[in-house]
């Protein structure tokens, strides 16, 4: 169990670092996807995923009990659906910039790879397949034995909530205008 927890932790750290660079810097600062008519739908799919992520941290990684785990699984399925819709719409979404840059495409592969690898490794801890089918392993609920893991996941939540709120706020014109004014102030210096 310890190796799987450490592996999940490393994958979550890699995901968080790359997702912050991609979701905050590239999408909201450099390319300002929320500003372009072509990429507004992509911004909405990113917003959905940004809202789902802190909920996934709470219900999938930190919760105890079967119901909360099932809610976490549903959130993950919704995230996969949003990812598929995002990927499908991305070609048209980036017309304003001549298409998705190759480096960002590669970054997306790594970000999502680390994200879903962390989920997969954690699932190995939570599920057991036997002659009766698939069952939840309840001793995996005792993640409190891994305080570094719990601490890190708990500390991801505030930043993830802020990203969800920022993505949501940038749907509204008045907030976009203020955000752009702040960005323009920094880019002018």
N, C-alpha and C. Protein backbone atom coordinates (compact mmCIF):
# COMPACT_ATOMS: atom_id res chain seq x y z
N UNK A 1 0.82 -1.19 0.00
CA UNK A 1 0.00 0.00 0.00
C UNK A 1 0.86 1.26 0.00
N UNK A 2 1.96 1.22 0.72
CA UNK A 2 2.81 2.40 0.82
C UNK A 2 3.37 2.83 -0.54
N UNK A 3 3.80 1.87 -1.35
CA UNK A 3 4.34 2.21 -2.68
C UNK A 3 3.27 2.86 -3.55
N UNK A 4 2.05 2.38 -3.47
CA UNK A 4 0.96 2.96 -4.26
C UNK A 4 0.63 4.37 -3.79
N UNK A 5 0.66 4.61 -2.48
CA UNK A 5 0.40 5.95 -1.95
C UNK A 5 1.49 6.91 -2.41
N UNK A 6 2.75 6.50 -2.32
CA UNK A 6 3.87 7.35 -2.75
C UNK A 6 3.77 7.62 -4.24
N UNK A 7 3.46 6.61 -5.03
CA UNK A 7 3.31 6.79 -6.47
C UNK A 7 2.18 7.76 -6.78
N UNK A 8 1.03 7.60 -6.11
CA UNK A 8 -0.09 8.52 -6.30
C UNK A 8 0.32 9.94 -5.94
N UNK A 9 1.03 10.09 -4.84
CA UNK A 9 1.48 11.41 -4.41
C UNK A 9 2.39 12.06 -5.45
N UNK A 10 3.35 11.33 -5.96
CA UNK A 10 4.27 11.86 -6.98
C UNK A 10 3.49 12.26 -8.24
N UNK A 11 2.55 11.41 -8.66
CA UNK A 11 1.75 11.72 -9.85
C UNK A 11 0.88 12.96 -9.63
N UNK A 12 0.31 13.10 -8.43
CA UNK A 12 -0.49 14.29 -8.13
C UNK A 12 0.38 15.55 -8.11
N UNK A 13 1.59 15.46 -7.58
CA UNK A 13 2.50 16.61 -7.58
C UNK A 13 2.83 17.03 -9.01
N UNK A 14 3.18 16.05 -9.85
CA UNK A 14 3.49 16.36 -11.25
C UNK A 14 2.28 16.95 -11.96
N UNK A 15 1.12 16.37 -11.72
CA UNK A 15 -0.10 16.90 -12.32
C UNK A 15 -0.34 18.34 -11.88
N UNK A 16 -0.26 18.60 -10.57
CA UNK A 16 -0.55 19.93 -10.05
C UNK A 16 0.38 20.99 -10.64
N UNK A 17 1.66 20.67 -10.72
CA UNK A 17 2.62 21.63 -11.28
C UNK A 17 2.32 21.93 -12.75
N UNK A 18 2.16 20.88 -13.54
CA UNK A 18 1.92 21.09 -14.97
C UNK A 18 0.54 21.68 -15.25
N UNK A 19 -0.46 21.28 -14.49
CA UNK A 19 -1.81 21.81 -14.69
C UNK A 19 -1.88 23.29 -14.33
N UNK A 20 -1.14 23.70 -13.32
CA UNK A 20 -1.11 25.12 -12.96
C UNK A 20 -0.47 25.93 -14.08
N UNK A 21 0.64 25.45 -14.59
CA UNK A 21 1.30 26.15 -15.71
C UNK A 21 0.36 26.22 -16.92
N UNK A 22 -0.26 25.10 -17.26
CA UNK A 22 -1.14 25.05 -18.43
C UNK A 22 -2.42 25.85 -18.20
N UNK A 23 -3.12 25.55 -17.10
CA UNK A 23 -4.43 26.13 -16.87
C UNK A 23 -4.42 27.58 -16.47
N UNK A 24 -3.41 27.98 -15.71
CA UNK A 24 -3.34 29.38 -15.28
C UNK A 24 -2.54 30.21 -16.28
N UNK A 25 -1.27 29.86 -16.45
CA UNK A 25 -0.41 30.70 -17.28
C UNK A 25 -0.80 30.65 -18.77
N UNK A 26 -0.79 29.46 -19.37
CA UNK A 26 -1.05 29.39 -20.82
C UNK A 26 -2.48 29.79 -21.16
N UNK A 27 -3.46 29.20 -20.48
CA UNK A 27 -4.86 29.41 -20.86
C UNK A 27 -5.41 30.76 -20.45
N UNK A 28 -5.06 31.22 -19.25
CA UNK A 28 -5.69 32.44 -18.73
C UNK A 28 -4.83 33.69 -18.82
N UNK A 29 -3.51 33.53 -18.93
CA UNK A 29 -2.64 34.69 -18.99
C UNK A 29 -2.08 34.89 -20.40
N UNK A 30 -1.38 33.92 -20.92
CA UNK A 30 -0.71 34.09 -22.21
C UNK A 30 -1.70 34.13 -23.38
N UNK A 31 -2.56 33.11 -23.49
CA UNK A 31 -3.47 33.03 -24.64
C UNK A 31 -4.84 33.64 -24.39
N UNK A 32 -5.20 33.82 -23.11
CA UNK A 32 -6.50 34.41 -22.74
C UNK A 32 -7.65 33.74 -23.52
N UNK A 33 -7.74 32.45 -23.37
CA UNK A 33 -8.74 31.68 -24.12
C UNK A 33 -10.16 32.17 -23.88
N UNK A 34 -10.45 32.67 -22.71
CA UNK A 34 -11.78 33.16 -22.36
C UNK A 34 -12.18 34.38 -23.20
N UNK A 35 -11.20 35.06 -23.84
CA UNK A 35 -11.44 36.29 -24.59
C UNK A 35 -11.87 36.05 -26.04
N UNK A 36 -11.55 34.92 -26.58
CA UNK A 36 -11.74 34.67 -28.01
C UNK A 36 -13.02 33.88 -28.26
N UNK A 37 -13.78 34.34 -29.24
CA UNK A 37 -15.05 33.67 -29.56
C UNK A 37 -14.82 32.19 -29.89
N UNK A 38 -13.74 31.92 -30.63
CA UNK A 38 -13.44 30.53 -31.02
C UNK A 38 -13.18 29.63 -29.82
N UNK A 39 -12.60 30.17 -28.76
CA UNK A 39 -12.17 29.33 -27.64
C UNK A 39 -13.07 29.46 -26.41
N UNK A 40 -14.17 30.14 -26.52
CA UNK A 40 -15.06 30.27 -25.34
C UNK A 40 -15.58 28.91 -24.89
N UNK A 41 -15.95 28.05 -25.84
CA UNK A 41 -16.45 26.73 -25.46
C UNK A 41 -15.34 25.92 -24.77
N UNK A 42 -14.11 26.04 -25.27
CA UNK A 42 -12.98 25.36 -24.62
C UNK A 42 -12.82 25.89 -23.19
N UNK A 43 -12.97 27.19 -23.00
CA UNK A 43 -12.87 27.76 -21.66
C UNK A 43 -13.96 27.18 -20.75
N UNK A 44 -15.13 26.97 -21.29
CA UNK A 44 -16.22 26.40 -20.48
C UNK A 44 -15.88 24.96 -20.09
N UNK A 45 -15.33 24.17 -21.01
CA UNK A 45 -14.96 22.78 -20.65
C UNK A 45 -13.84 22.80 -19.61
N UNK A 46 -12.91 23.75 -19.73
CA UNK A 46 -11.86 23.86 -18.71
C UNK A 46 -12.46 24.26 -17.37
N UNK A 47 -13.48 25.12 -17.40
CA UNK A 47 -14.16 25.55 -16.18
C UNK A 47 -14.82 24.35 -15.50
N UNK A 48 -15.50 23.53 -16.28
CA UNK A 48 -16.14 22.33 -15.73
C UNK A 48 -15.09 21.44 -15.07
N UNK A 49 -13.98 21.23 -15.74
CA UNK A 49 -12.93 20.38 -15.18
C UNK A 49 -12.30 21.01 -13.95
N UNK A 50 -12.15 22.34 -13.96
CA UNK A 50 -11.58 23.03 -12.80
C UNK A 50 -12.51 22.94 -11.59
N UNK A 51 -13.80 22.90 -11.82
CA UNK A 51 -14.77 22.74 -10.73
C UNK A 51 -14.78 21.29 -10.23
N UNK A 52 -14.65 20.35 -11.14
CA UNK A 52 -14.68 18.93 -10.77
C UNK A 52 -13.44 18.51 -9.97
N UNK A 53 -12.29 19.13 -10.23
CA UNK A 53 -11.06 18.66 -9.61
C UNK A 53 -11.06 18.75 -8.08
N UNK A 54 -11.39 19.89 -7.47
CA UNK A 54 -11.38 19.88 -6.00
C UNK A 54 -12.42 18.93 -5.41
N UNK A 55 -13.53 18.78 -6.09
CA UNK A 55 -14.54 17.81 -5.63
C UNK A 55 -13.99 16.39 -5.70
N UNK A 56 -13.22 16.11 -6.75
CA UNK A 56 -12.60 14.79 -6.89
C UNK A 56 -11.58 14.56 -5.76
N UNK A 57 -10.82 15.59 -5.43
CA UNK A 57 -9.86 15.46 -4.33
C UNK A 57 -10.58 15.08 -3.04
N UNK A 58 -11.70 15.75 -2.79
CA UNK A 58 -12.45 15.52 -1.55
C UNK A 58 -13.13 14.16 -1.54
N UNK A 59 -13.89 13.87 -2.59
CA UNK A 59 -14.71 12.66 -2.60
C UNK A 59 -13.94 11.40 -2.95
N UNK A 60 -12.95 11.51 -3.82
CA UNK A 60 -12.23 10.31 -4.26
C UNK A 60 -11.03 10.01 -3.37
N UNK A 61 -10.19 11.01 -3.13
CA UNK A 61 -8.95 10.75 -2.41
C UNK A 61 -9.09 10.82 -0.89
N UNK A 62 -9.92 11.71 -0.39
CA UNK A 62 -9.95 11.94 1.06
C UNK A 62 -11.14 11.35 1.78
N UNK A 63 -12.20 11.05 1.07
CA UNK A 63 -13.42 10.63 1.75
C UNK A 63 -13.32 9.21 2.28
N UNK A 64 -14.19 8.95 3.23
CA UNK A 64 -14.32 7.60 3.77
C UNK A 64 -15.75 7.17 3.57
N UNK A 65 -15.92 5.93 3.25
CA UNK A 65 -17.27 5.40 3.07
C UNK A 65 -17.60 5.19 1.60
N UNK A 66 -18.42 4.20 1.37
CA UNK A 66 -18.75 3.79 0.01
C UNK A 66 -19.46 4.86 -0.80
N UNK A 67 -20.45 5.52 -0.22
CA UNK A 67 -21.23 6.51 -0.96
C UNK A 67 -20.33 7.61 -1.51
N UNK A 68 -19.45 8.15 -0.67
CA UNK A 68 -18.57 9.23 -1.10
C UNK A 68 -17.59 8.74 -2.17
N UNK A 69 -17.14 7.50 -2.05
CA UNK A 69 -16.26 6.94 -3.07
C UNK A 69 -16.99 6.83 -4.40
N UNK A 70 -18.24 6.39 -4.38
CA UNK A 70 -19.03 6.31 -5.62
C UNK A 70 -19.25 7.70 -6.22
N UNK A 71 -19.48 8.68 -5.36
CA UNK A 71 -19.60 10.06 -5.86
C UNK A 71 -18.29 10.48 -6.53
N UNK A 72 -17.17 10.13 -5.92
CA UNK A 72 -15.86 10.41 -6.51
C UNK A 72 -15.70 9.76 -7.87
N UNK A 73 -16.16 8.52 -8.00
CA UNK A 73 -16.09 7.84 -9.30
C UNK A 73 -16.95 8.53 -10.35
N UNK A 74 -18.13 8.98 -9.96
CA UNK A 74 -19.01 9.70 -10.89
C UNK A 74 -18.34 11.01 -11.32
N UNK A 75 -17.70 11.70 -10.40
CA UNK A 75 -16.99 12.93 -10.73
C UNK A 75 -15.87 12.66 -11.73
N UNK A 76 -15.17 11.55 -11.55
CA UNK A 76 -14.10 11.18 -12.48
C UNK A 76 -14.68 10.89 -13.86
N UNK A 77 -15.80 10.19 -13.91
CA UNK A 77 -16.44 9.91 -15.21
C UNK A 77 -16.88 11.21 -15.89
N UNK A 78 -17.40 12.15 -15.12
CA UNK A 78 -17.78 13.45 -15.69
C UNK A 78 -16.54 14.19 -16.20
N UNK A 79 -15.44 14.08 -15.47
CA UNK A 79 -14.19 14.70 -15.91
C UNK A 79 -13.71 14.10 -17.22
N UNK A 80 -13.80 12.79 -17.35
CA UNK A 80 -13.40 12.13 -18.61
C UNK A 80 -14.29 12.60 -19.75
N UNK A 81 -15.58 12.73 -19.50
CA UNK A 81 -16.50 13.23 -20.52
C UNK A 81 -16.14 14.67 -20.92
N UNK A 82 -15.89 15.53 -19.93
CA UNK A 82 -15.50 16.91 -20.22
C UNK A 82 -14.18 16.96 -20.98
N UNK A 83 -13.23 16.09 -20.63
CA UNK A 83 -11.96 16.03 -21.35
C UNK A 83 -12.19 15.64 -22.81
N UNK A 84 -13.03 14.65 -23.04
CA UNK A 84 -13.32 14.23 -24.41
C UNK A 84 -13.94 15.35 -25.22
N UNK A 85 -14.89 16.06 -24.64
CA UNK A 85 -15.54 17.17 -25.33
C UNK A 85 -14.52 18.28 -25.60
N UNK A 86 -13.67 18.56 -24.62
CA UNK A 86 -12.61 19.57 -24.78
C UNK A 86 -11.66 19.19 -25.91
N UNK A 87 -11.19 17.96 -25.90
CA UNK A 87 -10.25 17.52 -26.93
C UNK A 87 -10.88 17.57 -28.33
N UNK A 88 -12.14 17.20 -28.40
CA UNK A 88 -12.84 17.21 -29.70
C UNK A 88 -12.99 18.63 -30.23
N UNK A 89 -13.21 19.59 -29.36
CA UNK A 89 -13.46 20.96 -29.80
C UNK A 89 -12.18 21.79 -29.93
N UNK A 90 -11.05 21.26 -29.52
CA UNK A 90 -9.83 22.05 -29.42
C UNK A 90 -9.30 22.53 -30.77
N UNK A 91 -9.47 21.76 -31.82
CA UNK A 91 -8.94 22.16 -33.13
C UNK A 91 -9.56 23.48 -33.58
N UNK A 92 -10.88 23.59 -33.53
CA UNK A 92 -11.55 24.82 -33.93
C UNK A 92 -11.32 25.93 -32.91
N UNK A 93 -11.17 25.54 -31.67
CA UNK A 93 -11.02 26.50 -30.59
C UNK A 93 -9.77 27.36 -30.73
N UNK A 94 -8.75 26.81 -31.32
CA UNK A 94 -7.48 27.53 -31.41
C UNK A 94 -7.22 28.12 -32.80
N UNK A 95 -8.27 28.28 -33.60
CA UNK A 95 -8.11 28.89 -34.92
C UNK A 95 -7.49 30.27 -34.84
N UNK A 96 -7.84 31.03 -33.81
CA UNK A 96 -7.35 32.41 -33.67
C UNK A 96 -5.83 32.48 -33.54
N UNK A 97 -5.20 31.38 -33.16
CA UNK A 97 -3.75 31.37 -32.97
C UNK A 97 -3.07 30.37 -33.91
N UNK A 98 -3.78 29.97 -34.95
CA UNK A 98 -3.19 29.07 -35.94
C UNK A 98 -3.15 27.62 -35.49
N UNK A 99 -3.98 27.26 -34.52
CA UNK A 99 -4.05 25.89 -34.03
C UNK A 99 -3.33 25.73 -32.70
N UNK A 100 -3.53 24.58 -32.10
CA UNK A 100 -2.90 24.27 -30.82
C UNK A 100 -1.40 24.09 -31.02
N UNK A 101 -0.57 24.86 -30.30
CA UNK A 101 0.89 24.67 -30.44
C UNK A 101 1.30 23.25 -30.04
N UNK A 102 2.27 22.73 -30.75
CA UNK A 102 2.72 21.36 -30.50
C UNK A 102 3.19 21.17 -29.07
N UNK A 103 3.89 22.14 -28.52
CA UNK A 103 4.38 22.02 -27.13
C UNK A 103 3.21 21.94 -26.15
N UNK A 104 2.15 22.71 -26.41
CA UNK A 104 1.00 22.65 -25.51
C UNK A 104 0.25 21.33 -25.67
N UNK A 105 0.20 20.82 -26.87
CA UNK A 105 -0.42 19.52 -27.10
C UNK A 105 0.32 18.45 -26.28
N UNK A 106 1.64 18.47 -26.33
CA UNK A 106 2.45 17.52 -25.56
C UNK A 106 2.24 17.73 -24.07
N UNK A 107 2.18 18.99 -23.64
CA UNK A 107 1.91 19.29 -22.24
C UNK A 107 0.57 18.70 -21.80
N UNK A 108 -0.46 18.83 -22.64
CA UNK A 108 -1.78 18.27 -22.33
C UNK A 108 -1.70 16.76 -22.15
N UNK A 109 -0.90 16.09 -22.98
CA UNK A 109 -0.74 14.64 -22.84
C UNK A 109 -0.15 14.30 -21.47
N UNK A 110 0.87 15.02 -21.05
CA UNK A 110 1.49 14.74 -19.76
C UNK A 110 0.55 15.10 -18.60
N UNK A 111 -0.08 16.27 -18.67
CA UNK A 111 -0.99 16.70 -17.60
C UNK A 111 -2.07 15.64 -17.38
N UNK A 112 -2.75 15.27 -18.44
CA UNK A 112 -3.83 14.30 -18.31
C UNK A 112 -3.32 12.91 -18.01
N UNK A 113 -2.15 12.58 -18.51
CA UNK A 113 -1.55 11.28 -18.19
C UNK A 113 -1.26 11.16 -16.70
N UNK A 114 -0.64 12.18 -16.11
CA UNK A 114 -0.36 12.16 -14.67
C UNK A 114 -1.66 12.14 -13.86
N UNK A 115 -2.64 12.92 -14.30
CA UNK A 115 -3.93 13.00 -13.59
C UNK A 115 -4.61 11.63 -13.54
N UNK A 116 -4.74 10.99 -14.69
CA UNK A 116 -5.45 9.72 -14.73
C UNK A 116 -4.60 8.56 -14.22
N UNK A 117 -3.28 8.68 -14.29
CA UNK A 117 -2.42 7.66 -13.68
C UNK A 117 -2.57 7.69 -12.16
N UNK A 118 -2.64 8.90 -11.58
CA UNK A 118 -2.84 9.01 -10.13
C UNK A 118 -4.17 8.37 -9.73
N UNK A 119 -5.20 8.62 -10.50
CA UNK A 119 -6.50 8.02 -10.23
C UNK A 119 -6.42 6.50 -10.33
N UNK A 120 -5.76 6.02 -11.36
CA UNK A 120 -5.66 4.57 -11.58
C UNK A 120 -4.91 3.87 -10.45
N UNK A 121 -3.79 4.46 -10.04
CA UNK A 121 -3.01 3.85 -8.95
C UNK A 121 -3.83 3.85 -7.67
N UNK A 122 -4.55 4.94 -7.39
CA UNK A 122 -5.36 4.99 -6.18
C UNK A 122 -6.51 3.98 -6.25
N UNK A 123 -7.04 3.77 -7.44
CA UNK A 123 -8.10 2.75 -7.61
C UNK A 123 -7.60 1.36 -7.25
N UNK A 124 -6.33 1.09 -7.52
CA UNK A 124 -5.74 -0.20 -7.17
C UNK A 124 -5.83 -0.41 -5.66
N UNK A 125 -5.69 0.67 -4.91
CA UNK A 125 -5.80 0.57 -3.45
C UNK A 125 -7.24 0.37 -2.99
N UNK A 126 -8.17 0.97 -3.72
CA UNK A 126 -9.56 1.02 -3.27
C UNK A 126 -10.43 -0.13 -3.75
N UNK A 127 -10.03 -0.81 -4.81
CA UNK A 127 -10.87 -1.87 -5.38
C UNK A 127 -10.18 -3.22 -5.35
N UNK A 128 -10.98 -4.24 -5.15
CA UNK A 128 -10.48 -5.61 -5.15
C UNK A 128 -11.42 -6.44 -6.02
N UNK A 129 -10.83 -7.20 -6.92
CA UNK A 129 -11.63 -8.09 -7.76
C UNK A 129 -11.50 -9.50 -7.21
N UNK A 130 -12.64 -10.11 -6.93
CA UNK A 130 -12.63 -11.49 -6.45
C UNK A 130 -13.79 -12.25 -7.10
N UNK A 131 -14.05 -13.45 -6.61
CA UNK A 131 -15.09 -14.29 -7.21
C UNK A 131 -16.49 -13.69 -7.09
N UNK A 132 -16.67 -12.76 -6.17
CA UNK A 132 -17.97 -12.11 -5.99
C UNK A 132 -18.13 -10.86 -6.86
N UNK A 133 -17.07 -10.48 -7.54
CA UNK A 133 -17.11 -9.28 -8.36
C UNK A 133 -16.09 -8.26 -7.86
N UNK A 134 -16.44 -7.00 -7.99
CA UNK A 134 -15.57 -5.91 -7.55
C UNK A 134 -16.10 -5.37 -6.23
N UNK A 135 -15.21 -5.23 -5.27
CA UNK A 135 -15.62 -4.67 -3.99
C UNK A 135 -14.64 -3.59 -3.56
N UNK A 136 -15.13 -2.70 -2.72
CA UNK A 136 -14.30 -1.63 -2.19
C UNK A 136 -13.49 -2.20 -1.02
N UNK A 137 -12.20 -1.90 -1.03
CA UNK A 137 -11.31 -2.34 0.04
C UNK A 137 -11.37 -1.28 1.13
N UNK A 138 -11.90 -1.65 2.28
CA UNK A 138 -12.11 -0.67 3.34
C UNK A 138 -10.86 -0.33 4.12
N UNK A 139 -9.84 -1.18 4.09
CA UNK A 139 -8.62 -0.80 4.79
C UNK A 139 -7.90 0.33 4.06
N UNK A 140 -8.26 0.56 2.79
CA UNK A 140 -7.69 1.69 2.06
C UNK A 140 -8.26 3.00 2.57
N UNK A 141 -9.39 2.92 3.30
CA UNK A 141 -9.95 4.14 3.89
C UNK A 141 -9.03 4.72 4.94
N UNK A 142 -8.10 3.95 5.41
CA UNK A 142 -7.23 4.40 6.47
C UNK A 142 -6.02 5.14 5.91
N UNK A 143 -6.27 6.10 5.02
CA UNK A 143 -5.17 6.89 4.48
C UNK A 143 -4.59 7.83 5.52
N UNK A 144 -5.27 7.96 6.65
CA UNK A 144 -4.73 8.80 7.72
C UNK A 144 -3.38 8.27 8.22
N UNK A 145 -3.07 7.02 7.89
CA UNK A 145 -1.76 6.46 8.21
C UNK A 145 -0.66 7.07 7.34
N UNK A 146 -1.06 7.86 6.36
CA UNK A 146 -0.12 8.50 5.43
C UNK A 146 -0.33 10.00 5.49
N UNK A 147 0.13 10.64 6.57
CA UNK A 147 -0.17 12.06 6.78
C UNK A 147 0.39 12.98 5.69
N UNK A 148 1.51 12.62 5.09
CA UNK A 148 2.06 13.46 4.02
C UNK A 148 1.11 13.47 2.83
N UNK A 149 0.57 12.32 2.49
CA UNK A 149 -0.39 12.23 1.39
C UNK A 149 -1.63 13.06 1.70
N UNK A 150 -2.19 12.87 2.89
CA UNK A 150 -3.40 13.60 3.29
C UNK A 150 -3.12 15.10 3.29
N UNK A 151 -1.98 15.51 3.87
CA UNK A 151 -1.61 16.92 3.92
C UNK A 151 -1.53 17.51 2.52
N UNK A 152 -0.87 16.79 1.61
CA UNK A 152 -0.71 17.32 0.26
C UNK A 152 -2.06 17.45 -0.44
N UNK A 153 -2.89 16.43 -0.37
CA UNK A 153 -4.20 16.49 -1.03
C UNK A 153 -5.04 17.60 -0.42
N UNK A 154 -5.03 17.72 0.91
CA UNK A 154 -5.78 18.80 1.56
C UNK A 154 -5.29 20.17 1.12
N UNK A 155 -3.98 20.29 0.91
CA UNK A 155 -3.42 21.57 0.51
C UNK A 155 -3.57 21.86 -0.98
N UNK A 156 -3.91 20.86 -1.76
CA UNK A 156 -4.25 21.11 -3.16
C UNK A 156 -5.64 21.74 -3.29
N UNK A 157 -6.51 21.45 -2.35
CA UNK A 157 -7.92 21.87 -2.46
C UNK A 157 -8.08 23.40 -2.56
N UNK A 158 -7.47 24.21 -1.70
CA UNK A 158 -7.68 25.65 -1.84
C UNK A 158 -7.26 26.21 -3.20
N UNK A 159 -6.11 25.79 -3.69
CA UNK A 159 -5.67 26.25 -5.02
C UNK A 159 -6.60 25.77 -6.12
N UNK A 160 -7.06 24.53 -5.99
CA UNK A 160 -7.98 23.98 -6.99
C UNK A 160 -9.31 24.73 -6.97
N UNK A 161 -9.79 25.07 -5.78
CA UNK A 161 -11.02 25.86 -5.68
C UNK A 161 -10.82 27.23 -6.32
N UNK A 162 -9.67 27.86 -6.03
CA UNK A 162 -9.37 29.17 -6.63
C UNK A 162 -9.34 29.10 -8.15
N UNK A 163 -8.76 28.03 -8.69
CA UNK A 163 -8.74 27.88 -10.16
C UNK A 163 -10.16 27.72 -10.70
N UNK A 164 -10.99 26.95 -10.02
CA UNK A 164 -12.37 26.80 -10.44
C UNK A 164 -13.12 28.11 -10.40
N UNK A 165 -12.91 28.87 -9.32
CA UNK A 165 -13.58 30.17 -9.19
C UNK A 165 -13.08 31.16 -10.25
N UNK A 166 -11.78 31.18 -10.50
CA UNK A 166 -11.22 32.08 -11.52
C UNK A 166 -11.76 31.73 -12.90
N UNK A 167 -11.75 30.46 -13.24
CA UNK A 167 -12.31 30.04 -14.54
C UNK A 167 -13.78 30.45 -14.65
N UNK A 168 -14.53 30.23 -13.59
CA UNK A 168 -15.95 30.59 -13.59
C UNK A 168 -16.12 32.10 -13.72
N UNK A 169 -15.35 32.86 -12.95
CA UNK A 169 -15.47 34.32 -12.97
C UNK A 169 -15.17 34.89 -14.36
N UNK A 170 -14.22 34.27 -15.07
CA UNK A 170 -13.83 34.80 -16.38
C UNK A 170 -14.87 34.53 -17.47
N UNK A 171 -15.97 33.94 -17.12
CA UNK A 171 -17.09 33.81 -18.05
C UNK A 171 -17.84 35.15 -18.13
N UNK A 172 -17.73 35.96 -17.10
CA UNK A 172 -18.49 37.21 -17.00
C UNK A 172 -17.67 38.40 -17.49
N UNK A 173 -18.31 39.25 -18.30
CA UNK A 173 -17.62 40.36 -18.97
C UNK A 173 -16.94 41.32 -18.01
N UNK A 174 -17.62 41.72 -16.96
CA UNK A 174 -17.03 42.70 -16.03
C UNK A 174 -15.76 42.16 -15.39
N UNK A 175 -15.76 40.90 -15.03
CA UNK A 175 -14.57 40.31 -14.40
C UNK A 175 -13.47 40.12 -15.43
N UNK A 176 -13.84 39.72 -16.65
CA UNK A 176 -12.84 39.61 -17.73
C UNK A 176 -12.14 40.94 -17.94
N UNK A 177 -12.92 42.01 -17.93
CA UNK A 177 -12.36 43.35 -18.15
C UNK A 177 -11.34 43.68 -17.06
N UNK A 178 -11.68 43.40 -15.80
CA UNK A 178 -10.76 43.68 -14.69
C UNK A 178 -9.51 42.80 -14.77
N UNK A 179 -9.72 41.51 -15.05
CA UNK A 179 -8.60 40.57 -15.17
C UNK A 179 -7.64 41.03 -16.27
N UNK A 180 -8.20 41.42 -17.42
CA UNK A 180 -7.38 41.88 -18.54
C UNK A 180 -6.63 43.16 -18.18
N UNK A 181 -7.27 44.06 -17.42
CA UNK A 181 -6.60 45.29 -17.00
C UNK A 181 -5.39 44.96 -16.13
N UNK A 182 -5.55 44.01 -15.22
CA UNK A 182 -4.43 43.59 -14.36
C UNK A 182 -3.33 42.96 -15.22
N UNK A 183 -3.70 42.08 -16.12
CA UNK A 183 -2.70 41.44 -16.98
C UNK A 183 -1.98 42.47 -17.85
N UNK A 184 -2.74 43.42 -18.39
CA UNK A 184 -2.15 44.44 -19.24
C UNK A 184 -1.18 45.33 -18.44
N UNK A 185 -1.51 45.59 -17.19
CA UNK A 185 -0.64 46.40 -16.34
C UNK A 185 0.71 45.70 -16.16
N UNK A 186 0.67 44.38 -15.94
CA UNK A 186 1.91 43.63 -15.77
C UNK A 186 2.68 43.48 -17.07
N UNK A 187 1.98 43.35 -18.19
CA UNK A 187 2.67 43.16 -19.46
C UNK A 187 3.25 44.47 -20.00
N UNK A 188 2.71 45.60 -19.53
CA UNK A 188 3.24 46.89 -19.96
C UNK A 188 4.55 47.22 -19.28
N UNK A 189 4.79 46.62 -18.13
CA UNK A 189 6.02 46.92 -17.37
C UNK A 189 7.19 46.14 -17.83
